[in-house]
Amino acid sequence: MKNIIVAGKSLRVILPARDRARLAETCFRGTHVREAGNFFRWPNFDKMLGDKPFMERFRDVLAAAIEENAGALESGFTEPWTIPFTEPVGWTSSVPQTMVNGARLELKRTNGRSCALFVAASDTDHPAPRTNLVAMTLTIRKNFKPDADLVAIVHTMYPGPNVGSFPEEEGDITESKGFVLFDFHHPGGDSFVELEP
């Protein structure tokens, strides 16, 4: 991708190959795949970055982060962000627990150190709703190559609110954050849920 100008500095957005491959199996599975955690607005990361409305919002988020963390650019900083849109972009993989009253829930491990309640895969009466939010976790730092002043390294992204980066989370996510999750193969529905970023 070519550089973009953010806060008066040239910035290169990088999605490492291992993360690109992982996201192709989670949130960029094809715009026709109606499942939780999948974008239907963009078929892949490159199309997302080529979308003018996305880039306008993304630039605003990056500019605010750079301004807020100007002193940390040399060593870099990592933060989660949620970018709101005016229209739906995909099916969320998480909702507040209060939104799934009556759903069959199962406690599952999300990694070796954390767990969460998931809407049961067999509970098709509670499909994953559409969302207008994009959650991302990025590291922004000084670029040590001459091709740009800064780099923004994308670690993860998904449609819906940012409920944390599961590899780093410990304990019960539902208990600590109040969110219930959908498995990535849970059907996506037609309903729209407006959540706070």
Protein backbone atom coordinates (compact mmCIF):
# COMPACT_ATOMS: atom_id res chain seq x y z
CA MET A 1 0.00 0.00 0.00
CA LYS A 2 1.19 3.50 -0.69
CA ASN A 3 1.80 5.82 2.22
CA ILE A 4 -0.91 8.04 3.62
CA ILE A 5 -0.46 11.41 5.28
CA VAL A 6 -1.67 11.55 8.88
CA ALA A 7 -1.04 14.44 11.27
CA GLY A 8 1.50 15.87 8.83
CA LYS A 9 3.55 12.65 8.72
CA SER A 10 3.79 9.91 6.11
CA LEU A 11 2.48 6.61 7.47
CA ARG A 12 2.57 3.10 6.05
CA VAL A 13 -0.15 0.64 7.13
CA ILE A 14 1.18 -2.91 7.46
CA LEU A 15 -0.77 -6.15 7.86
CA PRO A 16 1.83 -8.89 8.46
CA ALA A 17 1.45 -11.98 6.26
CA ARG A 18 0.58 -14.28 9.22
CA ASP A 19 -2.21 -11.91 10.31
CA ARG A 20 -3.42 -11.43 6.72
CA ALA A 21 -3.80 -15.23 6.39
CA ARG A 22 -5.60 -15.48 9.76
CA LEU A 23 -8.00 -12.62 8.95
CA ALA A 24 -8.82 -14.23 5.58
CA GLU A 25 -10.23 -17.13 7.62
CA THR A 26 -12.08 -14.99 10.19
CA CYS A 27 -13.28 -11.55 9.09
CA PHE A 28 -12.58 -11.55 5.32
CA ARG A 29 -14.20 -14.86 4.34
CA GLY A 30 -16.09 -13.34 1.40
CA THR A 31 -18.91 -10.81 1.33
CA HIS A 32 -21.43 -13.59 0.64
CA VAL A 33 -20.59 -15.55 3.83
CA ARG A 34 -23.34 -14.71 6.38
CA GLU A 35 -21.51 -15.62 9.58
CA ALA A 36 -20.48 -13.93 12.80
CA GLY A 37 -17.26 -11.95 12.70
CA ASN A 38 -17.30 -11.53 8.90
CA PHE A 39 -17.32 -8.26 6.96
CA PHE A 40 -19.79 -7.94 4.10
CA ARG A 41 -18.71 -4.44 3.08
CA TRP A 42 -15.16 -5.48 2.07
CA PRO A 43 -13.89 -8.81 0.64
CA ASN A 44 -10.32 -8.24 1.87
CA PHE A 45 -8.01 -5.84 3.70
CA ASP A 46 -6.79 -4.11 0.53
CA LYS A 47 -10.37 -3.26 -0.52
CA MET A 48 -11.01 -1.96 3.00
CA LEU A 49 -8.02 0.39 2.73
CA GLY A 50 -9.23 1.48 -0.71
CA ASP A 51 -12.66 2.46 0.64
CA LYS A 52 -12.79 6.27 0.96
CA PRO A 53 -15.31 6.37 3.88
CA PHE A 54 -13.21 3.83 5.80
CA MET A 55 -9.97 5.73 5.18
CA GLU A 56 -11.50 9.04 6.30
CA ARG A 57 -12.49 7.53 9.64
CA PHE A 58 -9.28 5.53 9.94
CA ARG A 59 -7.15 8.67 9.37
CA ASP A 60 -9.08 10.47 12.11
CA VAL A 61 -8.42 7.62 14.56
CA LEU A 62 -4.74 7.48 13.61
CA ALA A 63 -4.31 11.27 13.89
CA ALA A 64 -5.88 11.34 17.35
CA ALA A 65 -3.71 8.42 18.50
CA ILE A 66 -0.52 10.01 17.15
CA GLU A 67 -1.32 13.32 18.82
CA GLU A 68 -2.20 11.65 22.14
CA ASN A 69 0.92 9.46 22.15
CA ALA A 70 3.48 11.72 20.46
CA GLY A 71 6.06 10.97 23.16
CA ALA A 72 5.75 7.21 22.62
CA LEU A 73 6.31 7.12 18.84
CA GLU A 74 10.01 6.24 19.07
CA SER A 75 9.36 2.95 20.92
CA GLY A 76 5.76 2.58 19.71
CA PHE A 77 2.44 1.97 21.41
CA THR A 78 -0.33 -0.58 20.93
CA GLU A 79 -4.00 0.25 21.45
CA PRO A 80 -7.43 -1.07 20.52
CA TRP A 81 -9.81 1.21 18.60
CA THR A 82 -13.38 0.99 17.43
CA ILE A 83 -14.32 2.87 14.28
CA PRO A 84 -18.04 3.64 13.79
CA PHE A 85 -19.75 3.82 10.39
CA THR A 86 -23.10 5.23 9.36
CA GLU A 87 -24.17 1.91 7.82
CA PRO A 88 -23.61 -1.78 8.62
CA VAL A 89 -20.25 -3.32 7.64
CA GLY A 90 -20.51 -6.94 8.84
CA TRP A 91 -21.87 -9.38 11.42
CA THR A 92 -20.61 -8.87 14.94
CA SER A 93 -19.02 -11.69 16.92
CA SER A 94 -19.87 -10.11 20.29
CA VAL A 95 -22.84 -8.38 21.90
CA PRO A 96 -23.64 -7.25 25.43
CA GLN A 97 -25.03 -10.16 27.45
CA THR A 98 -28.31 -8.27 27.97
CA MET A 99 -28.98 -8.50 24.21
CA VAL A 100 -29.23 -12.29 24.11
CA ASN A 101 -31.87 -12.95 26.76
CA GLY A 102 -33.31 -16.42 26.22
CA ALA A 103 -30.37 -17.63 24.13
CA ARG A 104 -28.75 -20.96 24.90
CA LEU A 105 -25.27 -20.11 26.15
CA GLU A 106 -22.17 -22.27 26.49
CA LEU A 107 -18.99 -21.50 28.40
CA LYS A 108 -15.98 -22.00 26.09
CA ARG A 109 -12.28 -21.31 26.18
CA THR A 110 -11.08 -18.48 23.93
CA ASN A 111 -7.42 -19.34 24.59
CA GLY A 112 -5.41 -21.12 27.27
CA ARG A 113 -6.07 -18.40 29.89
CA SER A 114 -9.57 -17.08 29.21
CA CYS A 115 -13.12 -18.17 28.58
CA ALA A 116 -16.46 -16.56 27.68
CA LEU A 117 -20.10 -17.39 27.21
CA PHE A 118 -20.94 -18.13 23.58
CA VAL A 119 -24.38 -18.32 21.98
CA ALA A 120 -24.72 -22.07 21.33
CA ALA A 121 -23.99 -23.05 17.74
CA SER A 122 -27.33 -24.87 17.60
CA ASP A 123 -29.25 -21.73 18.68
CA THR A 124 -30.22 -20.40 15.25
CA ASP A 125 -33.03 -18.35 16.86
CA HIS A 126 -30.31 -15.91 17.93
CA PRO A 127 -28.25 -15.10 14.80
CA ALA A 128 -25.33 -12.68 14.95
CA PRO A 129 -26.65 -9.18 14.24
CA ARG A 130 -25.23 -6.77 11.68
CA THR A 131 -23.04 -3.97 13.07
CA ASN A 132 -21.68 -0.61 11.95
CA LEU A 133 -18.48 -0.92 14.03
CA VAL A 134 -14.95 -1.97 13.05
CA ALA A 135 -12.68 -3.05 15.93
CA MET A 136 -8.92 -2.90 15.39
CA THR A 137 -5.79 -3.32 17.46
CA LEU A 138 -2.72 -1.52 16.07
CA THR A 139 0.84 -0.71 16.99
CA ILE A 140 1.98 2.72 15.82
CA ARG A 141 5.68 3.56 15.91
CA LYS A 142 8.48 5.38 14.19
CA ASN A 143 9.47 3.72 10.93
CA PHE A 144 13.15 2.79 10.84
CA LYS A 145 13.15 2.59 7.02
CA PRO A 146 13.26 5.64 4.76
CA ASP A 147 9.94 4.89 2.99
CA ALA A 148 7.69 6.53 5.65
CA ASP A 149 7.91 8.48 8.93
CA LEU A 150 5.62 6.09 10.84
CA VAL A 151 4.16 2.60 10.53
CA ALA A 152 0.82 1.30 11.79
CA ILE A 153 0.95 -2.48 12.22
CA VAL A 154 -2.47 -4.12 12.26
CA HIS A 155 -2.66 -7.01 14.73
CA THR A 156 -6.33 -7.82 14.55
CA MET A 157 -9.67 -6.51 13.35
CA TYR A 158 -13.25 -7.65 13.24
CA PRO A 159 -16.76 -6.26 12.84
CA GLY A 160 -18.29 -5.16 16.13
CA PRO A 161 -17.18 -3.52 19.37
CA ASN A 162 -13.62 -3.91 20.58
CA VAL A 163 -13.84 -6.25 23.56
CA GLY A 164 -10.10 -6.82 23.84
CA SER A 165 -7.42 -8.93 22.27
CA PHE A 166 -8.17 -12.51 23.31
CA PRO A 167 -4.59 -13.79 23.27
CA GLU A 168 -3.81 -11.29 26.05
CA GLU A 169 -7.06 -11.66 28.01
CA GLU A 170 -7.26 -13.75 31.17
CA GLY A 171 -10.26 -15.02 33.13
CA ASP A 172 -13.94 -14.86 32.21
CA ILE A 173 -14.49 -12.27 29.45
CA THR A 174 -18.27 -12.31 29.86
CA GLU A 175 -17.94 -11.63 33.57
CA SER A 176 -15.29 -8.91 33.21
CA LYS A 177 -16.59 -7.14 30.08
CA GLY A 178 -20.27 -8.12 29.99
CA PHE A 179 -20.12 -9.49 26.43
CA VAL A 180 -21.32 -12.77 24.96
CA LEU A 181 -19.56 -14.12 21.87
CA PHE A 182 -20.65 -15.90 18.70
CA ASP A 183 -18.55 -18.65 17.15
CA PHE A 184 -17.21 -17.62 13.70
CA HIS A 185 -19.54 -20.14 12.00
CA HIS A 186 -22.65 -18.88 13.79
CA PRO A 187 -25.21 -17.67 11.22
CA GLY A 188 -25.46 -13.95 10.56
CA GLY A 189 -28.92 -12.42 10.64
CA ASP A 190 -30.69 -9.45 9.12
CA SER A 191 -31.21 -7.46 12.31
CA PHE A 192 -28.98 -4.48 13.02
CA VAL A 193 -27.61 -3.67 16.45
CA GLU A 194 -26.28 -0.22 17.22
CA LEU A 195 -23.55 -0.50 19.83
CA GLU A 196 -21.39 2.14 21.45
CA PRO A 197 -17.84 2.26 20.04
